Amino acid sequence: MNTSKILFSLFLVLSLLVSCEKDNNHSEDDELATRMNQFIQSNLSTFYLWYDEIPNIKPESKKDPKEYFKALLSSKDKWSLITDDANGLLEEMAGTGETYGYGLAYGRFNNSSECFAIVQYVYPGSPAAEKLKRGDIIVKLNSQTLTQNDLNKLTLPGTLNLGMGKRVGDAIGPTGQTVTIISRKMNTDPVLITKLFERGNHKIGYLMYTHFSKTFNSSIVKAFNEFKEVGITDLVLDLRYNHGGDDEASTFLCSAIVPKEKAIEGTLLSKETWNTPCQKIFESDPQYDGLLNRFFVETNCNLDLPSKKIYILTTRETISASEYTIACLKAFMDVELVGTQTYGKYVTMYSFSPQYEENGKMVADEELANWLIFPVCSRFSNINGYPSSLEGMIPQHEVNEDLFNGIQLGDANEPLLAEALALISGTQRRQAKGRSIETAPAFNMLPKSFNDIKSNRIIHVK
């Protein structure tokens, strides 16, 4: 039985999903909003990790399902999502949607409401790649200075006229140059960069991976088999900007990295813990085993590294499925983290589309087909129960990210990669370990809220 059938059969068992009939005393829009709100309430009451903290708010009390959804969430929850553009969000998460093809960091000038953005990376062949590169600074949008409220516009589909800036000392000012980029639909392959470095007896593979999408598992296969052909001894996995993604991709990546003798198909990889009622039901019936446990899968590209060790590059944008991958690997091999502390999201979100019960069967609600909810349903850990805290993972080797130094990703002199290469080869680095970009006399960098990061560890229930 697949995951969607399992979860919705549980809905029927618990009799919590309300079948809504149209109320002729309300407008059609009001009736649809109420029906969606009833679906939200029923779903959260059943599967939400903090189900016992849901306030008693009547579904008909709010006309906007997004407001109603947020009103039911726990104060502990920074992650659960809702959308009325299901196809758009699923495409974005899969890496096949409309995009400019860049990653951005954001900053604000001190004693001012004005902000700027700085390019972290660009996808090859993207609109951004034609005009921008890592380290480029954006200070204006459509001839207007940027404020914090404008930053989200830099990722909304359309046409952007970007006013460029430059850093001189510890200050940033406009250059007078403007570039125009137009978003388009494209595949953003998460295997952004692969490189090979030789240091003494070490052949070191470097892979920059930007998001977890099973759509591109074939890219992992290609990259890893190429690494195997040249006989790499060590791997540097760059997850510094990886905000997560889908469960199947993270399971696949772990299965391709863990030593071959341990990554046996069907062997336990990780565990999920649900709310108390769900946990009891799942533990009592073998059909739910797939909701409590994750298992290794066959990949046909297992690296079987001679070193039995991996170096992973991290920042505060190493989130969710990235942290899941780190946690799982730690149970089976040596893992050395290089960079700065990760985000600290150790929960799993499941996607649910509106359905209702009719004659004992689950039926898709076609009138609400554009809606999806992504509630936090469980917490993950590796087979040893790690992580057990709520804090991000702290690297053994702290190295600061420096977007302003002009060094591109994959360059041996880039601070995080340079540190990993030095650790593997046993040499001492001559370069500084990067300087923090968090603060400067003229500006400070802005942390991204989780709302800025739409891809996260989600299992798509279809």
Protein backbone atom coordinates (compact mmCIF):
# COMPACT_ATOMS: atom_id res chain seq x y z
CA MET A 1 0.00 0.00 0.00
CA ASN A 2 1.44 3.39 -0.92
CA THR A 3 1.87 6.26 1.52
CA SER A 4 -1.17 8.24 0.41
CA LYS A 5 -3.49 5.24 0.74
CA ILE A 6 -2.06 4.45 4.16
CA LEU A 7 -2.53 7.95 5.51
CA PHE A 8 -6.00 8.45 4.16
CA SER A 9 -7.14 5.02 5.27
CA LEU A 10 -6.11 6.19 8.71
CA PHE A 11 -8.34 9.21 8.23
CA LEU A 12 -11.25 6.84 7.71
CA VAL A 13 -10.33 4.70 10.71
CA LEU A 14 -10.27 7.72 13.00
CA SER A 15 -13.35 9.27 11.34
CA LEU A 16 -11.81 12.71 11.46
CA LEU A 17 -12.16 13.79 7.85
CA VAL A 18 -15.34 15.78 7.43
CA SER A 19 -17.36 15.38 4.24
CA CYS A 20 -18.68 18.85 3.55
CA GLU A 21 -21.90 19.55 1.75
CA LYS A 22 -22.65 22.87 0.16
CA ASP A 23 -24.56 25.35 2.25
CA ASN A 24 -26.97 27.32 0.10
CA ASN A 25 -27.04 30.10 2.67
CA HIS A 26 -23.47 31.09 1.89
CA SER A 27 -21.72 32.32 -1.23
CA GLU A 28 -19.77 29.81 -3.29
CA ASP A 29 -16.45 31.39 -2.22
CA ASP A 30 -17.42 31.20 1.45
CA GLU A 31 -18.50 27.59 1.04
CA LEU A 32 -15.21 26.63 -0.60
CA ALA A 33 -13.18 28.42 2.09
CA THR A 34 -15.12 26.63 4.83
CA ARG A 35 -14.64 23.28 3.12
CA MET A 36 -10.91 23.89 2.83
CA ASN A 37 -10.76 24.99 6.46
CA GLN A 38 -12.55 21.81 7.52
CA PHE A 39 -9.98 19.77 5.60
CA ILE A 40 -7.18 21.69 7.32
CA GLN A 41 -8.67 21.17 10.77
CA SER A 42 -9.28 17.46 10.19
CA ASN A 43 -5.82 16.88 8.78
CA LEU A 44 -3.96 18.73 11.54
CA SER A 45 -6.07 17.06 14.23
CA THR A 46 -4.93 13.70 12.90
CA PHE A 47 -1.34 14.06 11.71
CA TYR A 48 0.11 17.32 13.05
CA LEU A 49 3.08 16.76 15.35
CA TRP A 50 1.64 19.26 17.84
CA TYR A 51 -1.97 18.12 17.38
CA ASP A 52 -2.73 18.67 21.07
CA GLU A 53 -1.91 22.39 20.80
CA ILE A 54 -4.41 23.20 18.04
CA PRO A 55 -6.76 25.97 19.23
CA ASN A 56 -10.52 25.51 18.94
CA ILE A 57 -11.25 27.85 16.03
CA LYS A 58 -14.31 27.08 13.95
CA PRO A 59 -13.62 26.49 10.25
CA GLU A 60 -16.35 28.92 9.21
CA SER A 61 -14.84 31.72 11.28
CA LYS A 62 -12.20 32.64 8.67
CA LYS A 63 -12.69 33.28 4.95
CA ASP A 64 -9.01 32.85 4.04
CA PRO A 65 -7.71 29.26 4.41
CA LYS A 66 -4.14 30.56 4.65
CA GLU A 67 -5.06 32.63 7.71
CA TYR A 68 -6.97 29.72 9.21
CA PHE A 69 -4.06 27.32 8.67
CA LYS A 70 -1.61 29.67 10.35
CA ALA A 71 -4.00 30.28 13.24
CA LEU A 72 -3.97 26.58 14.11
CA LEU A 73 -0.19 26.14 14.17
CA SER A 74 1.88 25.69 17.32
CA SER A 75 4.21 28.46 18.43
CA LYS A 76 7.00 25.86 18.07
CA ASP A 77 6.27 25.52 14.35
CA LYS A 78 8.28 27.72 11.97
CA TRP A 79 7.92 25.43 8.98
CA SER A 80 4.43 24.19 8.04
CA LEU A 81 3.26 25.61 4.72
CA ILE A 82 0.07 26.10 2.74
CA THR A 83 -0.33 27.16 -0.88
CA ASP A 84 -3.13 27.86 -3.36
CA ASP A 85 -0.68 27.34 -6.25
CA ALA A 86 -0.03 23.63 -5.91
CA ASN A 87 1.54 23.07 -9.33
CA GLY A 88 3.82 26.10 -9.04
CA LEU A 89 5.16 25.15 -5.63
CA LEU A 90 5.65 21.48 -6.54
CA GLU A 91 7.54 22.49 -9.68
CA GLU A 92 9.70 24.87 -7.66
CA MET A 93 10.50 22.17 -5.13
CA ALA A 94 11.27 19.66 -7.88
CA GLY A 95 13.61 22.12 -9.57
CA THR A 96 11.54 22.34 -12.75
CA GLY A 97 9.65 25.61 -12.26
CA GLU A 98 10.04 29.18 -13.45
CA THR A 99 13.18 30.79 -12.11
CA TYR A 100 15.98 33.30 -12.61
CA GLY A 101 18.44 30.57 -11.69
CA TYR A 102 20.34 32.15 -8.81
CA GLY A 103 20.73 31.91 -5.06
CA LEU A 104 20.86 35.14 -3.06
CA ALA A 105 21.96 36.35 0.36
CA TYR A 106 20.57 39.59 1.77
CA GLY A 107 21.95 42.51 3.77
CA ARG A 108 20.82 45.86 5.17
CA PHE A 109 22.76 49.08 5.46
CA ASN A 110 23.25 50.25 9.03
CA ASN A 111 21.03 53.09 10.26
CA SER A 112 18.93 52.74 7.12
CA SER A 113 15.95 50.83 5.72
CA GLU A 114 17.85 50.22 2.48
CA CYS A 115 18.97 46.70 1.65
CA PHE A 116 21.03 44.81 -0.91
CA ALA A 117 21.37 41.29 -2.26
CA ILE A 118 24.50 39.37 -3.16
CA VAL A 119 24.66 36.43 -5.55
CA GLN A 120 25.68 33.12 -3.96
CA TYR A 121 25.59 30.99 -7.11
CA VAL A 122 23.97 30.74 -10.55
CA TYR A 123 22.76 27.70 -12.47
CA PRO A 124 24.48 27.15 -15.84
CA GLY A 125 22.30 28.19 -18.75
CA SER A 126 19.94 30.20 -16.54
CA PRO A 127 18.82 33.79 -17.09
CA ALA A 128 21.04 34.84 -14.18
CA ALA A 129 24.09 33.05 -15.59
CA GLU A 130 23.99 35.29 -18.67
CA LYS A 131 24.49 38.43 -16.59
CA LEU A 132 25.59 37.56 -13.04
CA LYS A 133 28.12 35.54 -11.05
CA ARG A 134 28.85 34.69 -7.43
CA GLY A 135 29.74 37.83 -5.47
CA ASP A 136 27.78 40.32 -7.62
CA ILE A 137 25.88 42.85 -5.53
CA ILE A 138 22.36 44.14 -6.28
CA VAL A 139 21.38 47.47 -4.73
CA LYS A 140 18.38 48.56 -6.84
CA LEU A 141 15.29 47.03 -8.41
CA ASN A 142 13.62 48.88 -11.29
CA SER A 143 15.65 52.02 -10.48
CA GLN A 144 14.46 52.02 -6.85
CA THR A 145 16.58 51.28 -3.81
CA LEU A 146 15.77 47.98 -2.12
CA THR A 147 14.00 47.72 1.24
CA GLN A 148 13.44 44.54 3.20
CA ASN A 149 9.90 44.31 1.82
CA ASP A 150 11.34 44.28 -1.72
CA LEU A 151 13.71 41.37 -1.29
CA ASN A 152 11.12 38.71 -2.06
CA LYS A 153 10.51 40.41 -5.44
CA LEU A 154 13.97 39.30 -6.52
CA THR A 155 12.69 35.72 -6.79
CA LEU A 156 9.14 36.32 -8.08
CA PRO A 157 8.78 35.33 -11.77
CA GLY A 158 8.82 38.16 -14.31
CA THR A 159 11.35 40.73 -15.52
CA LEU A 160 13.89 42.33 -13.20
CA ASN A 161 15.95 45.42 -13.89
CA LEU A 162 18.77 45.14 -11.38
CA GLY A 163 20.95 48.06 -10.33
CA MET A 164 24.38 46.72 -9.48
CA GLY A 165 26.69 47.71 -6.64
CA LYS A 166 30.24 47.13 -5.51
CA ARG A 167 32.07 46.89 -2.22
CA VAL A 168 34.87 49.33 -1.51
CA GLY A 169 36.49 48.60 1.83
CA ASP A 170 33.61 48.04 4.25
CA ALA A 171 31.09 50.08 2.30
CA ILE A 172 28.81 49.21 -0.63
CA GLY A 173 27.80 51.72 -3.28
CA PRO A 174 26.06 51.72 -6.70
CA THR A 175 28.09 51.25 -9.88
CA GLY A 176 25.48 52.80 -12.17
CA GLN A 177 25.27 49.55 -14.15
CA THR A 178 21.88 47.92 -14.75
CA VAL A 179 21.27 44.36 -15.93
CA THR A 180 17.95 42.87 -16.98
CA ILE A 181 16.98 39.24 -16.43
CA ILE A 182 13.74 37.49 -17.38
CA SER A 183 12.60 34.35 -15.56
CA ARG A 184 11.78 31.19 -17.45
CA LYS A 185 10.91 27.58 -16.82
CA MET A 186 14.00 25.42 -16.67
CA ASN A 187 15.48 22.42 -14.95
CA THR A 188 17.73 23.50 -12.08
CA ASP A 189 19.90 20.43 -11.72
CA PRO A 190 21.02 20.34 -8.06
CA VAL A 191 24.39 18.83 -9.03
CA LEU A 192 25.74 22.31 -9.63
CA ILE A 193 29.48 21.60 -9.69
CA THR A 194 31.69 18.50 -9.78
CA LYS A 195 35.48 18.70 -9.64
CA LEU A 196 38.47 16.51 -9.00
CA PHE A 197 41.48 17.56 -6.89
CA GLU A 198 44.69 15.63 -6.40
CA ARG A 199 46.63 16.14 -3.19
CA GLY A 200 49.48 13.67 -2.72
CA ASN A 201 47.96 10.19 -2.62
CA HIS A 202 44.45 11.58 -2.38
CA LYS A 203 42.05 11.91 -5.29
CA ILE A 204 39.31 14.14 -3.95
CA GLY A 205 35.88 14.48 -5.51
CA TYR A 206 33.97 17.72 -4.89
CA LEU A 207 30.22 17.94 -5.44
CA MET A 208 28.11 21.06 -4.93
CA TYR A 209 24.49 19.97 -4.32
CA THR A 210 21.82 22.69 -4.08
CA HIS A 211 18.55 20.89 -3.32
CA PHE A 212 17.11 17.41 -2.87
CA SER A 213 14.93 16.36 -5.78
CA LYS A 214 14.40 12.76 -6.87
CA THR A 215 13.83 14.17 -10.36
CA PHE A 216 17.61 14.55 -10.59
CA ASN A 217 18.81 11.36 -8.87
CA SER A 218 20.22 10.42 -12.28
CA SER A 219 22.62 13.36 -11.96
CA ILE A 220 23.96 11.84 -8.73
CA VAL A 221 24.42 8.54 -10.52
CA LYS A 222 26.33 10.22 -13.36
CA ALA A 223 28.55 12.28 -11.05
CA PHE A 224 29.37 9.44 -8.66
CA ASN A 225 30.12 6.94 -11.42
CA GLU A 226 32.50 9.48 -12.96
CA PHE A 227 34.16 9.83 -9.55
CA LYS A 228 34.46 6.04 -9.33
CA GLU A 229 36.02 5.81 -12.80
CA VAL A 230 38.88 8.10 -11.77
CA GLY A 231 39.23 6.31 -8.43
CA ILE A 232 38.51 9.04 -5.89
CA THR A 233 39.65 8.29 -2.36
CA ASP A 234 37.76 11.11 -0.63
CA LEU A 235 34.58 13.17 -1.08
CA VAL A 236 33.75 16.77 -0.25
CA LEU A 237 29.98 17.32 -0.33
CA ASP A 238 28.98 21.00 -0.45
CA LEU A 239 25.57 21.52 1.21
CA ARG A 240 26.14 25.13 2.27
CA TYR A 241 23.05 26.47 0.43
CA ASN A 242 20.98 23.29 0.39
CA HIS A 243 17.60 24.01 2.00
CA GLY A 244 16.37 20.44 1.71
CA GLY A 245 13.82 18.78 -0.55
CA ASP A 246 12.19 15.41 -0.90
CA ASP A 247 12.66 12.30 1.15
CA GLU A 248 13.50 9.95 -1.70
CA ALA A 249 16.42 12.07 -2.89
CA SER A 250 18.02 12.25 0.56
CA THR A 251 17.61 8.50 1.04
CA PHE A 252 19.18 7.94 -2.38
CA LEU A 253 22.16 10.19 -1.65
CA CYS A 254 22.82 8.50 1.69
CA SER A 255 22.64 5.08 0.03
CA ALA A 256 25.23 6.18 -2.52
CA ILE A 257 27.71 7.48 0.09
CA VAL A 258 27.54 5.08 3.06
CA PRO A 259 30.18 2.31 2.76
CA LYS A 260 28.91 -0.41 0.44
CA GLU A 261 28.98 -3.16 3.04
CA LYS A 262 26.62 -1.11 5.22
CA ALA A 263 24.36 0.44 2.57
CA ILE A 264 22.45 -2.78 1.95
CA GLU A 265 19.08 -2.31 0.27
CA GLY A 266 16.27 -2.67 2.82
CA THR A 267 18.54 -2.09 5.86
CA LEU A 268 17.37 0.52 8.35
CA LEU A 269 18.66 4.04 7.61
CA SER A 270 16.65 6.34 9.91
CA LYS A 271 13.57 6.66 12.11
CA GLU A 272 10.52 8.92 12.27
CA THR A 273 8.58 9.78 15.44
CA TRP A 274 4.96 10.98 15.09
CA ASN A 275 2.43 12.41 17.53
CA THR A 276 1.28 10.00 20.24
CA PRO A 277 -1.97 8.71 18.63
CA CYS A 278 -0.33 8.17 15.22
CA GLN A 279 2.75 6.57 16.76
CA LYS A 280 0.63 4.03 18.63
CA ILE A 281 -1.33 3.10 15.52
CA PHE A 282 1.74 2.89 13.30
CA GLU A 283 3.64 0.73 15.80
CA SER A 284 0.69 -1.67 16.10
CA ASP A 285 0.36 -2.48 12.40
CA PRO A 286 3.16 -3.56 10.01
CA GLN A 287 1.51 -1.76 7.07
CA TYR A 288 2.69 1.53 8.60
CA ASP A 289 6.34 0.51 8.89
CA GLY A 290 7.28 2.80 6.00
CA LEU A 291 6.03 5.78 8.01
CA LEU A 292 8.22 4.96 11.00
CA ASN A 293 11.41 3.89 9.25
CA ARG A 294 13.49 4.75 6.20
CA PHE A 295 15.63 2.15 4.49
CA PHE A 296 18.67 2.05 2.21
CA VAL A 297 17.89 1.76 -1.51
CA GLU A 298 19.84 0.45 -4.49
CA THR A 299 21.65 3.24 -6.37
CA ASN A 300 24.09 1.54 -8.81
CA CYS A 301 26.60 4.28 -7.97
CA ASN A 302 27.78 3.64 -4.41
CA LEU A 303 31.17 5.35 -4.03
CA ASP A 304 32.54 2.82 -1.52
CA LEU A 305 35.15 5.37 -0.46
CA PRO A 306 38.44 3.83 0.74
CA SER A 307 38.65 6.51 3.44
CA LYS A 308 35.21 5.59 4.91
CA LYS A 309 34.98 9.31 5.65
CA ILE A 310 33.24 12.34 4.18
CA TYR A 311 33.73 16.10 4.51
CA ILE A 312 30.56 18.21 4.31
CA LEU A 313 30.50 22.00 3.88
CA THR A 314 27.78 23.75 5.90
CA THR A 315 26.25 27.13 6.79
CA ARG A 316 23.00 28.33 8.38
CA GLU A 317 21.42 27.55 5.01
CA THR A 318 22.18 23.86 5.42
CA ILE A 319 18.66 22.83 6.33
CA SER A 320 16.30 19.90 6.84
CA ALA A 321 17.06 17.15 4.27
CA SER A 322 20.69 18.32 4.34
CA GLU A 323 20.73 17.88 8.11
CA TYR A 324 18.92 14.56 7.71
CA THR A 325 21.66 13.41 5.35
CA ILE A 326 24.40 14.48 7.77
CA ALA A 327 22.64 12.75 10.67
CA CYS A 328 22.17 9.49 8.77
CA LEU A 329 25.74 9.39 7.51
CA LYS A 330 27.08 9.92 11.04
CA ALA A 331 25.67 6.53 12.07
CA PHE A 332 27.64 4.65 9.40
CA MET A 333 30.88 6.55 8.72
CA ASP A 334 33.10 9.39 9.86
CA VAL A 335 31.66 12.80 9.02
CA GLU A 336 33.68 16.00 9.28
CA LEU A 337 31.72 19.27 9.01
CA VAL A 338 33.49 22.36 7.70
CA GLY A 339 31.91 25.81 7.79
CA THR A 340 29.38 27.25 10.21
CA GLN A 341 26.43 25.94 12.25
CA THR A 342 23.49 24.44 10.36
CA TYR A 343 19.88 25.62 10.65
CA GLY A 344 18.41 23.01 13.01
CA LYS A 345 15.23 21.69 11.33
CA TYR A 346 14.79 18.07 12.29
CA VAL A 347 11.14 17.62 11.40
CA THR A 348 9.42 16.10 8.37
CA MET A 349 6.57 17.72 6.48
CA TYR A 350 4.06 15.74 4.44
CA SER A 351 1.99 17.20 1.63
CA PHE A 352 -1.78 16.68 1.52
CA SER A 353 -4.23 17.69 -1.17
CA PRO A 354 -7.89 18.28 -0.25
CA GLN A 355 -9.96 15.10 -0.27
CA TYR A 356 -13.17 14.00 1.33
CA GLU A 357 -14.89 10.77 2.22
CA GLU A 358 -17.71 9.59 -0.04
CA ASN A 359 -19.30 6.17 0.33
CA GLY A 360 -16.29 4.90 2.25
CA LYS A 361 -13.75 6.08 -0.32
CA MET A 362 -11.42 9.04 -0.49
CA VAL A 363 -12.28 11.43 -3.33
CA ALA A 364 -10.15 14.32 -4.59
CA ASP A 365 -11.88 17.66 -4.14
CA GLU A 366 -11.59 19.03 -7.66
CA GLU A 367 -12.87 22.48 -6.65
CA LEU A 368 -9.92 22.80 -4.24
CA ALA A 369 -7.33 21.10 -6.45
CA ASN A 370 -5.07 24.17 -6.45
CA TRP A 371 -4.55 23.90 -2.68
CA LEU A 372 -1.91 21.90 -0.79
CA ILE A 373 -0.96 21.87 2.87
CA PHE A 374 2.42 20.82 4.24
CA PRO A 375 2.11 20.28 8.00
CA VAL A 376 4.95 19.08 10.21
CA CYS A 377 4.02 15.48 10.98
CA SER A 378 7.09 13.81 12.43
CA ARG A 379 10.61 14.25 13.72
CA PHE A 380 13.54 12.36 12.23
CA SER A 381 16.66 10.85 13.75
CA ASN A 382 19.34 8.45 12.66
CA ILE A 383 19.41 4.86 13.92
CA ASN A 384 21.24 6.03 17.07
CA GLY A 385 18.70 8.73 17.95
CA TYR A 386 20.76 11.69 16.69
CA PRO A 387 20.04 14.59 16.67
CA SER A 388 18.32 14.88 20.03
CA SER A 389 18.68 18.64 20.57
CA LEU A 390 16.93 21.52 18.80
CA GLU A 391 20.13 23.32 17.84
CA GLY A 392 21.85 23.31 14.49
CA MET A 393 24.85 21.04 13.99
CA ILE A 394 28.16 22.65 14.93
CA PRO A 395 31.10 21.91 12.61
CA GLN A 396 34.33 20.47 13.95
CA HIS A 397 36.12 22.99 11.72
CA GLU A 398 34.67 26.49 11.78
CA VAL A 399 35.29 28.46 8.60
CA ASN A 400 33.40 31.61 7.68
CA GLU A 401 31.72 32.12 4.33
CA ASP A 402 32.95 35.15 2.39
CA LEU A 403 30.79 36.12 -0.56
CA PHE A 404 32.70 39.33 -1.16
CA ASN A 405 36.10 37.83 -1.92
CA GLY A 406 35.32 37.11 -5.56
CA ILE A 407 36.36 33.46 -5.32
CA GLN A 408 33.93 31.18 -7.14
CA LEU A 409 32.50 27.92 -5.82
CA GLY A 410 34.67 24.95 -6.68
CA ASP A 411 37.86 27.03 -6.65
CA ALA A 412 40.53 25.40 -4.50
CA ASN A 413 41.10 28.75 -2.77
CA GLU A 414 37.48 29.19 -1.68
CA PRO A 415 37.75 29.16 2.14
CA LEU A 416 35.41 26.27 3.01
CA LEU A 417 36.67 24.01 0.23
CA ALA A 418 40.29 24.97 0.87
CA GLU A 419 39.93 23.92 4.51
CA ALA A 420 38.46 20.55 3.54
CA LEU A 421 41.24 19.91 1.02
CA ALA A 422 43.84 20.79 3.64
CA LEU A 423 42.26 18.47 6.21
CA ILE A 424 42.16 15.58 3.74
CA SER A 425 45.75 16.03 2.55
CA GLY A 426 47.11 16.76 6.02
CA THR A 427 48.61 20.07 4.96
CA GLN A 428 48.37 23.42 6.71
CA ARG A 429 46.48 26.16 4.99
CA ARG A 430 48.25 29.41 4.29
CA GLN A 431 45.08 31.32 3.52
CA ALA A 432 42.92 32.82 6.22
CA LYS A 433 39.82 30.82 7.08
CA GLY A 434 37.56 33.47 5.63
CA ARG A 435 36.11 36.45 7.42
CA SER A 436 32.57 36.63 8.68
CA ILE A 437 30.20 38.51 6.41
CA GLU A 438 27.62 38.90 9.16
CA THR A 439 28.62 42.44 10.11
CA ALA A 440 30.65 45.36 8.77
CA PRO A 441 30.78 49.03 9.76
CA ALA A 442 28.40 49.99 6.95
CA PHE A 443 26.03 47.00 6.78
CA ASN A 444 24.94 43.71 8.30
CA MET A 445 23.72 40.51 6.68
CA LEU A 446 20.11 39.45 7.19
CA PRO A 447 19.29 35.92 8.32
CA LYS A 448 16.76 34.18 6.08
CA SER A 449 13.47 33.30 7.70
CA PHE A 450 12.08 29.89 6.85
CA ASN A 451 9.46 31.61 4.69
CA ASP A 452 12.33 32.69 2.43
CA ILE A 453 13.27 29.06 1.99
CA LYS A 454 10.48 27.17 0.26
CA SER A 455 12.20 23.87 -0.37
CA ASN A 456 12.43 21.70 2.72
CA ARG A 457 12.20 18.06 3.60
CA ILE A 458 8.76 17.10 2.31
CA ILE A 459 7.32 13.75 1.33
CA HIS A 460 4.87 14.39 -1.51
CA VAL A 461 1.72 12.40 -0.82
CA LYS A 462 -0.09 11.91 -4.13
